N, C-alpha and C. Protein backbone atom coordinates (compact mmCIF):
# COMPACT_ATOMS: atom_id res chain seq x y z
N MET A 1 0.84 -1.19 0.00
CA MET A 1 0.00 0.00 0.00
C MET A 1 0.88 1.24 0.00
N ALA A 2 0.83 2.06 1.06
CA ALA A 2 1.55 3.33 1.09
C ALA A 2 2.97 3.17 1.62
N LYS A 3 3.41 1.96 1.90
CA LYS A 3 4.76 1.75 2.43
C LYS A 3 5.83 2.12 1.42
N ASP A 4 5.48 2.15 0.15
CA ASP A 4 6.45 2.47 -0.89
C ASP A 4 6.56 3.97 -1.15
N LEU A 5 5.76 4.78 -0.48
CA LEU A 5 5.80 6.23 -0.68
C LEU A 5 7.04 6.82 -0.01
N PRO A 6 7.57 7.90 -0.58
CA PRO A 6 8.68 8.60 0.07
C PRO A 6 8.22 9.22 1.39
N VAL A 7 9.14 9.37 2.32
CA VAL A 7 8.81 9.89 3.65
C VAL A 7 8.08 11.23 3.59
N PRO A 8 8.55 12.22 2.81
CA PRO A 8 7.82 13.51 2.78
C PRO A 8 6.36 13.36 2.35
N GLU A 9 6.12 12.45 1.41
CA GLU A 9 4.74 12.24 0.96
C GLU A 9 3.90 11.56 2.04
N MET A 10 4.51 10.60 2.75
CA MET A 10 3.81 9.95 3.88
C MET A 10 3.46 10.97 4.95
N GLU A 11 4.43 11.84 5.27
CA GLU A 11 4.18 12.87 6.29
C GLU A 11 3.04 13.78 5.86
N LYS A 12 3.04 14.17 4.59
CA LYS A 12 1.97 15.03 4.08
C LYS A 12 0.61 14.35 4.22
N LEU A 13 0.54 13.07 3.86
CA LEU A 13 -0.72 12.33 3.99
C LEU A 13 -1.17 12.25 5.44
N MET A 14 -0.23 12.00 6.34
CA MET A 14 -0.57 11.91 7.76
C MET A 14 -1.12 13.24 8.27
N LEU A 15 -0.46 14.34 7.90
CA LEU A 15 -0.89 15.65 8.38
C LEU A 15 -2.25 16.06 7.81
N THR A 16 -2.50 15.72 6.57
CA THR A 16 -3.78 16.12 5.96
C THR A 16 -4.94 15.24 6.37
N HIS A 17 -4.67 14.07 6.95
CA HIS A 17 -5.73 13.16 7.36
C HIS A 17 -5.86 13.02 8.87
N THR A 18 -5.19 13.88 9.60
CA THR A 18 -5.27 13.85 11.06
C THR A 18 -5.97 15.12 11.51
N GLY A 19 -7.11 14.96 12.13
CA GLY A 19 -7.86 16.13 12.60
C GLY A 19 -7.65 16.38 14.08
N VAL A 20 -7.46 17.63 14.43
CA VAL A 20 -7.31 18.02 15.83
C VAL A 20 -8.40 19.05 16.12
N LYS A 21 -9.23 18.75 17.11
CA LYS A 21 -10.33 19.63 17.47
C LYS A 21 -9.92 20.52 18.64
N ASP A 22 -10.66 21.60 18.85
CA ASP A 22 -10.38 22.49 19.98
C ASP A 22 -10.43 21.75 21.30
N ASP A 23 -11.35 20.79 21.42
CA ASP A 23 -11.44 20.01 22.66
C ASP A 23 -10.17 19.19 22.89
N ASP A 24 -9.58 18.68 21.82
CA ASP A 24 -8.31 17.95 21.93
C ASP A 24 -7.21 18.87 22.44
N LEU A 25 -7.16 20.09 21.90
CA LEU A 25 -6.16 21.05 22.34
C LEU A 25 -6.37 21.47 23.79
N ARG A 26 -7.64 21.64 24.17
CA ARG A 26 -7.96 22.02 25.55
C ARG A 26 -7.53 20.92 26.52
N GLN A 27 -7.77 19.67 26.16
CA GLN A 27 -7.37 18.54 27.00
C GLN A 27 -5.84 18.47 27.10
N LEU A 28 -5.15 18.65 25.99
CA LEU A 28 -3.69 18.65 26.01
C LEU A 28 -3.16 19.78 26.89
N ALA A 29 -3.76 20.96 26.78
CA ALA A 29 -3.34 22.10 27.60
C ALA A 29 -3.54 21.81 29.08
N SER A 30 -4.65 21.18 29.43
CA SER A 30 -4.92 20.83 30.83
C SER A 30 -3.90 19.82 31.35
N GLN A 31 -3.58 18.83 30.54
CA GLN A 31 -2.59 17.83 30.94
C GLN A 31 -1.22 18.48 31.12
N ARG A 32 -0.87 19.39 30.23
CA ARG A 32 0.41 20.09 30.33
C ARG A 32 0.46 20.94 31.59
N ALA A 33 -0.62 21.67 31.86
CA ALA A 33 -0.66 22.52 33.05
C ALA A 33 -0.54 21.69 34.32
N LEU A 34 -1.21 20.56 34.36
CA LEU A 34 -1.13 19.68 35.54
C LEU A 34 0.28 19.14 35.72
N ALA A 35 0.95 18.80 34.63
CA ALA A 35 2.33 18.30 34.71
C ALA A 35 3.26 19.39 35.24
N VAL A 36 3.06 20.62 34.80
CA VAL A 36 3.88 21.74 35.29
C VAL A 36 3.62 21.96 36.77
N LYS A 37 2.35 21.95 37.16
CA LYS A 37 2.00 22.12 38.57
C LYS A 37 2.65 21.03 39.42
N ASP A 38 2.54 19.78 39.00
CA ASP A 38 3.14 18.67 39.74
C ASP A 38 4.65 18.83 39.86
N HIS A 39 5.29 19.26 38.79
CA HIS A 39 6.74 19.45 38.82
C HIS A 39 7.13 20.54 39.83
N ILE A 40 6.38 21.63 39.84
CA ILE A 40 6.66 22.71 40.78
C ILE A 40 6.44 22.24 42.21
N LEU A 41 5.36 21.50 42.44
CA LEU A 41 5.08 21.01 43.79
C LEU A 41 6.14 20.03 44.28
N LYS A 42 6.65 19.19 43.39
CA LYS A 42 7.68 18.23 43.77
C LYS A 42 8.98 18.92 44.18
N SER A 43 9.20 20.12 43.68
CA SER A 43 10.42 20.86 44.04
C SER A 43 10.36 21.35 45.49
N LYS A 44 9.14 21.43 46.05
CA LYS A 44 8.90 21.87 47.43
C LYS A 44 9.47 23.26 47.71
N GLN A 45 9.54 24.09 46.69
CA GLN A 45 10.02 25.45 46.86
C GLN A 45 8.88 26.46 46.85
N VAL A 46 7.67 25.97 46.56
CA VAL A 46 6.49 26.83 46.53
C VAL A 46 5.40 26.12 47.32
N GLU A 47 4.71 26.88 48.17
CA GLU A 47 3.64 26.29 48.98
C GLU A 47 2.48 25.86 48.07
N PRO A 48 1.92 24.67 48.32
CA PRO A 48 0.84 24.15 47.46
C PRO A 48 -0.36 25.09 47.34
N GLU A 49 -0.67 25.83 48.40
CA GLU A 49 -1.84 26.73 48.33
C GLU A 49 -1.61 27.93 47.42
N ARG A 50 -0.38 28.12 46.97
CA ARG A 50 -0.09 29.24 46.06
C ARG A 50 -0.17 28.83 44.60
N ILE A 51 -0.38 27.55 44.34
CA ILE A 51 -0.41 27.07 42.95
C ILE A 51 -1.81 26.55 42.63
N PHE A 52 -2.37 27.05 41.56
CA PHE A 52 -3.69 26.59 41.14
C PHE A 52 -3.78 26.69 39.62
N LEU A 53 -4.69 25.94 39.06
CA LEU A 53 -4.90 25.94 37.62
C LEU A 53 -6.16 26.72 37.29
N ILE A 54 -6.10 27.45 36.20
CA ILE A 54 -7.28 28.17 35.72
C ILE A 54 -7.54 27.75 34.28
N GLU A 55 -8.76 27.95 33.83
CA GLU A 55 -9.11 27.62 32.45
C GLU A 55 -8.41 28.60 31.51
N PRO A 56 -7.94 28.11 30.39
CA PRO A 56 -7.30 29.02 29.43
C PRO A 56 -8.32 29.96 28.81
N LYS A 57 -7.86 31.16 28.45
CA LYS A 57 -8.72 32.12 27.77
C LYS A 57 -9.10 31.59 26.39
N SER A 58 -8.13 30.96 25.74
CA SER A 58 -8.34 30.45 24.40
C SER A 58 -7.36 29.31 24.16
N VAL A 59 -7.76 28.34 23.37
CA VAL A 59 -6.83 27.27 23.02
C VAL A 59 -5.93 27.69 21.87
N GLN A 60 -6.34 28.72 21.15
CA GLN A 60 -5.53 29.24 20.06
C GLN A 60 -4.67 30.39 20.59
N PRO A 61 -3.35 30.25 20.55
CA PRO A 61 -2.49 31.30 21.09
C PRO A 61 -2.52 32.56 20.25
N GLU A 62 -2.22 33.68 20.91
CA GLU A 62 -2.07 34.93 20.17
C GLU A 62 -0.83 34.79 19.31
N LYS A 63 -0.89 35.32 18.11
CA LYS A 63 0.27 35.26 17.23
C LYS A 63 1.22 36.39 17.60
N LYS A 64 2.42 36.01 18.04
CA LYS A 64 3.46 36.98 18.39
C LYS A 64 4.71 36.65 17.59
N GLU A 65 5.39 37.68 17.16
CA GLU A 65 6.60 37.49 16.38
C GLU A 65 7.68 36.82 17.21
N LYS A 66 8.34 35.84 16.64
CA LYS A 66 9.47 35.13 17.26
C LYS A 66 9.10 34.40 18.54
N VAL A 67 7.83 33.98 18.67
CA VAL A 67 7.38 33.25 19.85
C VAL A 67 6.71 31.95 19.39
N SER A 68 7.06 30.86 20.04
CA SER A 68 6.48 29.56 19.71
C SER A 68 4.99 29.53 20.05
N ASP A 69 4.22 28.75 19.29
CA ASP A 69 2.78 28.62 19.58
C ASP A 69 2.52 27.86 20.87
N SER A 70 3.43 27.01 21.28
CA SER A 70 3.27 26.26 22.52
C SER A 70 3.60 27.18 23.68
N ARG A 71 2.74 27.19 24.70
CA ARG A 71 2.99 28.13 25.79
C ARG A 71 2.37 27.67 27.09
N VAL A 72 2.86 28.24 28.16
CA VAL A 72 2.27 28.11 29.48
C VAL A 72 2.24 29.51 30.06
N ASP A 73 1.10 29.96 30.53
CA ASP A 73 0.99 31.28 31.14
C ASP A 73 1.09 31.15 32.65
N PHE A 74 1.97 31.95 33.25
CA PHE A 74 2.12 31.97 34.70
C PHE A 74 1.68 33.33 35.22
N LYS A 75 1.04 33.31 36.37
CA LYS A 75 0.69 34.55 37.06
C LYS A 75 1.16 34.41 38.50
N LEU A 76 1.80 35.42 39.01
CA LEU A 76 2.26 35.40 40.39
C LEU A 76 1.34 36.26 41.23
N LYS A 77 0.98 35.75 42.40
CA LYS A 77 0.14 36.52 43.32
C LYS A 77 0.79 36.55 44.67
């Protein structure tokens, strides 16, 4: 079947036939935020009551020049 296709063509087919929904991105963002929170808590340098997760404003990041689309927003209180 497609095993004989060149790698770039296989990659193109995979990308064009893989759908990612906003809910998928929201779930990924939540998992990432929880992993960051757990990592910070394991360091024991920040009190647990000072760390909490909030819902993202949007799953689509603002477009900024020279900034990766992947992000984590931190707020200090």
